[in-house]
Amino acid sequence: MANNQGPQGTNDPAGSTQMFRAFVDDAPQGRQAAPAASSSGPRIGLIVGILAAVVVAAVAWLALG
């Protein structure tokens, strides 16, 4: 592990900034895969729901007509 303290014993802000940037750069890569995989789920559910509503409306129309 790198020594982040200078000669006066103060923390080196550049060291923590570099670690934070590395953390931020790595985080979005893990999050990008999840929305792409789960975005098709709600769309399929929406399509199935619309089709079910159309079928129920058609059956009700035929039953009442």
N, C-alpha and C. Protein backbone atom coordinates (compact mmCIF):
# COMPACT_ATOMS: atom_id res chain seq x y z
N MET A 1 0.84 -1.17 0.00
CA MET A 1 0.00 0.00 0.00
C MET A 1 0.89 1.23 0.00
N ALA A 2 0.50 2.23 -0.73
CA ALA A 2 1.31 3.43 -0.88
C ALA A 2 1.23 4.30 0.37
N ASN A 3 2.31 4.98 0.63
CA ASN A 3 2.36 5.92 1.75
C ASN A 3 1.75 7.23 1.28
N ASN A 4 0.57 7.58 1.76
CA ASN A 4 -0.12 8.79 1.32
C ASN A 4 0.21 10.00 2.18
N GLN A 5 1.18 9.91 3.05
CA GLN A 5 1.52 11.04 3.91
C GLN A 5 2.83 11.66 3.46
N GLY A 6 2.84 12.99 3.44
CA GLY A 6 4.03 13.74 3.06
C GLY A 6 4.97 13.87 4.23
N PRO A 7 6.00 14.66 4.08
CA PRO A 7 6.99 14.81 5.15
C PRO A 7 6.42 15.46 6.41
N GLN A 8 5.39 16.30 6.31
CA GLN A 8 4.81 16.93 7.49
C GLN A 8 3.75 16.06 8.15
N GLY A 9 3.43 14.92 7.60
CA GLY A 9 2.44 14.06 8.18
C GLY A 9 1.02 14.35 7.71
N THR A 10 0.86 15.18 6.68
CA THR A 10 -0.48 15.49 6.16
C THR A 10 -0.83 14.51 5.05
N ASN A 11 -2.11 14.29 4.84
CA ASN A 11 -2.55 13.39 3.78
C ASN A 11 -2.32 14.00 2.41
N ASP A 12 -1.97 13.15 1.47
CA ASP A 12 -1.77 13.59 0.09
C ASP A 12 -3.13 13.56 -0.61
N PRO A 13 -3.70 14.71 -0.96
CA PRO A 13 -5.02 14.70 -1.59
C PRO A 13 -5.03 14.04 -2.97
N ALA A 14 -3.91 14.05 -3.66
CA ALA A 14 -3.87 13.44 -4.99
C ALA A 14 -4.02 11.93 -4.90
N GLY A 15 -3.49 11.31 -3.87
CA GLY A 15 -3.61 9.86 -3.73
C GLY A 15 -5.05 9.42 -3.52
N SER A 16 -5.78 10.11 -2.65
CA SER A 16 -7.17 9.73 -2.42
C SER A 16 -8.04 10.08 -3.62
N THR A 17 -7.70 11.15 -4.33
CA THR A 17 -8.45 11.52 -5.53
C THR A 17 -8.29 10.46 -6.61
N GLN A 18 -7.08 9.96 -6.76
CA GLN A 18 -6.85 8.92 -7.77
C GLN A 18 -7.60 7.64 -7.41
N MET A 19 -7.63 7.29 -6.14
CA MET A 19 -8.37 6.09 -5.73
C MET A 19 -9.87 6.29 -5.94
N PHE A 20 -10.37 7.51 -5.66
CA PHE A 20 -11.79 7.78 -5.86
C PHE A 20 -12.15 7.72 -7.34
N ARG A 21 -11.30 8.28 -8.19
CA ARG A 21 -11.58 8.24 -9.63
C ARG A 21 -11.56 6.81 -10.14
N ALA A 22 -10.66 6.00 -9.64
CA ALA A 22 -10.62 4.59 -10.04
C ALA A 22 -11.90 3.88 -9.60
N PHE A 23 -12.39 4.22 -8.40
CA PHE A 23 -13.63 3.62 -7.90
C PHE A 23 -14.81 4.06 -8.76
N VAL A 24 -14.87 5.34 -9.10
CA VAL A 24 -15.99 5.86 -9.89
C VAL A 24 -15.94 5.29 -11.31
N ASP A 25 -14.76 5.15 -11.87
CA ASP A 25 -14.65 4.61 -13.22
C ASP A 25 -15.05 3.13 -13.27
N ASP A 26 -14.83 2.39 -12.20
CA ASP A 26 -15.19 0.97 -12.18
C ASP A 26 -16.68 0.76 -11.90
N ALA A 27 -17.32 1.63 -11.15
CA ALA A 27 -18.70 1.42 -10.72
C ALA A 27 -19.70 1.40 -11.87
N PRO A 28 -19.67 2.32 -12.85
CA PRO A 28 -20.69 2.29 -13.90
C PRO A 28 -20.66 1.04 -14.76
N GLN A 29 -19.52 0.38 -14.88
CA GLN A 29 -19.45 -0.81 -15.71
C GLN A 29 -20.33 -1.91 -15.15
N GLY A 30 -20.40 -2.04 -13.83
CA GLY A 30 -21.24 -3.05 -13.22
C GLY A 30 -22.72 -2.70 -13.32
N ARG A 31 -23.02 -1.42 -13.33
CA ARG A 31 -24.42 -1.00 -13.38
C ARG A 31 -24.99 -1.02 -14.79
N GLN A 32 -24.16 -0.96 -15.81
CA GLN A 32 -24.66 -0.92 -17.18
C GLN A 32 -25.29 -2.23 -17.59
N ALA A 33 -24.80 -3.34 -17.11
CA ALA A 33 -25.33 -4.64 -17.52
C ALA A 33 -26.70 -4.89 -16.91
N ALA A 34 -26.93 -4.44 -15.69
CA ALA A 34 -28.20 -4.73 -15.02
C ALA A 34 -29.40 -4.04 -15.68
N PRO A 35 -29.35 -2.73 -16.00
CA PRO A 35 -30.51 -2.13 -16.64
C PRO A 35 -30.79 -2.71 -18.03
N ALA A 36 -29.76 -3.10 -18.75
CA ALA A 36 -29.99 -3.67 -20.08
C ALA A 36 -30.71 -5.00 -19.98
N ALA A 37 -30.38 -5.80 -18.99
CA ALA A 37 -31.02 -7.10 -18.83
C ALA A 37 -32.43 -6.96 -18.28
N SER A 38 -32.65 -6.02 -17.37
CA SER A 38 -33.96 -5.90 -16.75
C SER A 38 -34.90 -5.01 -17.55
N SER A 39 -34.41 -4.25 -18.53
CA SER A 39 -35.29 -3.37 -19.27
C SER A 39 -36.23 -4.14 -20.18
N SER A 40 -35.86 -5.34 -20.61
CA SER A 40 -36.75 -6.12 -21.46
C SER A 40 -37.87 -6.74 -20.64
N GLY A 41 -37.66 -6.97 -19.35
CA GLY A 41 -38.68 -7.56 -18.49
C GLY A 41 -39.94 -6.72 -18.39
N PRO A 42 -39.84 -5.45 -18.02
CA PRO A 42 -41.04 -4.61 -17.95
C PRO A 42 -41.71 -4.42 -19.32
N ARG A 43 -40.93 -4.39 -20.38
CA ARG A 43 -41.53 -4.23 -21.71
C ARG A 43 -42.34 -5.45 -22.08
N ILE A 44 -41.84 -6.62 -21.77
CA ILE A 44 -42.57 -7.85 -22.07
C ILE A 44 -43.85 -7.90 -21.23
N GLY A 45 -43.74 -7.51 -19.98
CA GLY A 45 -44.93 -7.48 -19.13
C GLY A 45 -45.96 -6.49 -19.63
N LEU A 46 -45.51 -5.34 -20.11
CA LEU A 46 -46.43 -4.34 -20.65
C LEU A 46 -47.12 -4.86 -21.90
N ILE A 47 -46.37 -5.50 -22.78
CA ILE A 47 -46.95 -6.06 -24.01
C ILE A 47 -47.96 -7.15 -23.68
N VAL A 48 -47.61 -8.04 -22.77
CA VAL A 48 -48.53 -9.11 -22.37
C VAL A 48 -49.79 -8.52 -21.73
N GLY A 49 -49.63 -7.49 -20.92
CA GLY A 49 -50.78 -6.85 -20.29
C GLY A 49 -51.71 -6.21 -21.31
N ILE A 50 -51.14 -5.55 -22.31
CA ILE A 50 -51.96 -4.93 -23.35
C ILE A 50 -52.69 -6.00 -24.16
N LEU A 51 -51.98 -7.06 -24.51
CA LEU A 51 -52.62 -8.15 -25.26
C LEU A 51 -53.75 -8.79 -24.45
N ALA A 52 -53.53 -8.97 -23.15
CA ALA A 52 -54.58 -9.55 -22.30
C ALA A 52 -55.79 -8.62 -22.24
N ALA A 53 -55.57 -7.33 -22.16
CA ALA A 53 -56.68 -6.37 -22.13
C ALA A 53 -57.45 -6.40 -23.44
N VAL A 54 -56.76 -6.53 -24.56
CA VAL A 54 -57.42 -6.61 -25.87
C VAL A 54 -58.25 -7.88 -25.96
N VAL A 55 -57.71 -9.00 -25.49
CA VAL A 55 -58.45 -10.26 -25.53
C VAL A 55 -59.68 -10.18 -24.63
N VAL A 56 -59.54 -9.63 -23.43
CA VAL A 56 -60.69 -9.50 -22.53
C VAL A 56 -61.74 -8.57 -23.14
N ALA A 57 -61.31 -7.48 -23.76
CA ALA A 57 -62.26 -6.57 -24.41
C ALA A 57 -62.96 -7.25 -25.57
N ALA A 58 -62.26 -8.07 -26.35
CA ALA A 58 -62.87 -8.78 -27.48
C ALA A 58 -63.88 -9.81 -26.98
N VAL A 59 -63.53 -10.54 -25.93
CA VAL A 59 -64.46 -11.53 -25.37
C VAL A 59 -65.70 -10.83 -24.81
N ALA A 60 -65.50 -9.72 -24.12
CA ALA A 60 -66.65 -8.99 -23.58
C ALA A 60 -67.51 -8.43 -24.70
N TRP A 61 -66.92 -7.94 -25.75
CA TRP A 61 -67.66 -7.42 -26.89
C TRP A 61 -68.48 -8.52 -27.58
N LEU A 62 -67.87 -9.70 -27.73
CA LEU A 62 -68.57 -10.81 -28.34
C LEU A 62 -69.69 -11.34 -27.43
N ALA A 63 -69.46 -11.34 -26.12
CA ALA A 63 -70.47 -11.83 -25.19
C ALA A 63 -71.66 -10.89 -25.11
N LEU A 64 -71.41 -9.61 -25.18
CA LEU A 64 -72.50 -8.62 -25.09
C LEU A 64 -73.16 -8.35 -26.44
N GLY A 65 -72.47 -8.69 -27.51
CA GLY A 65 -72.99 -8.38 -28.85
C GLY A 65 -73.82 -9.39 -29.45
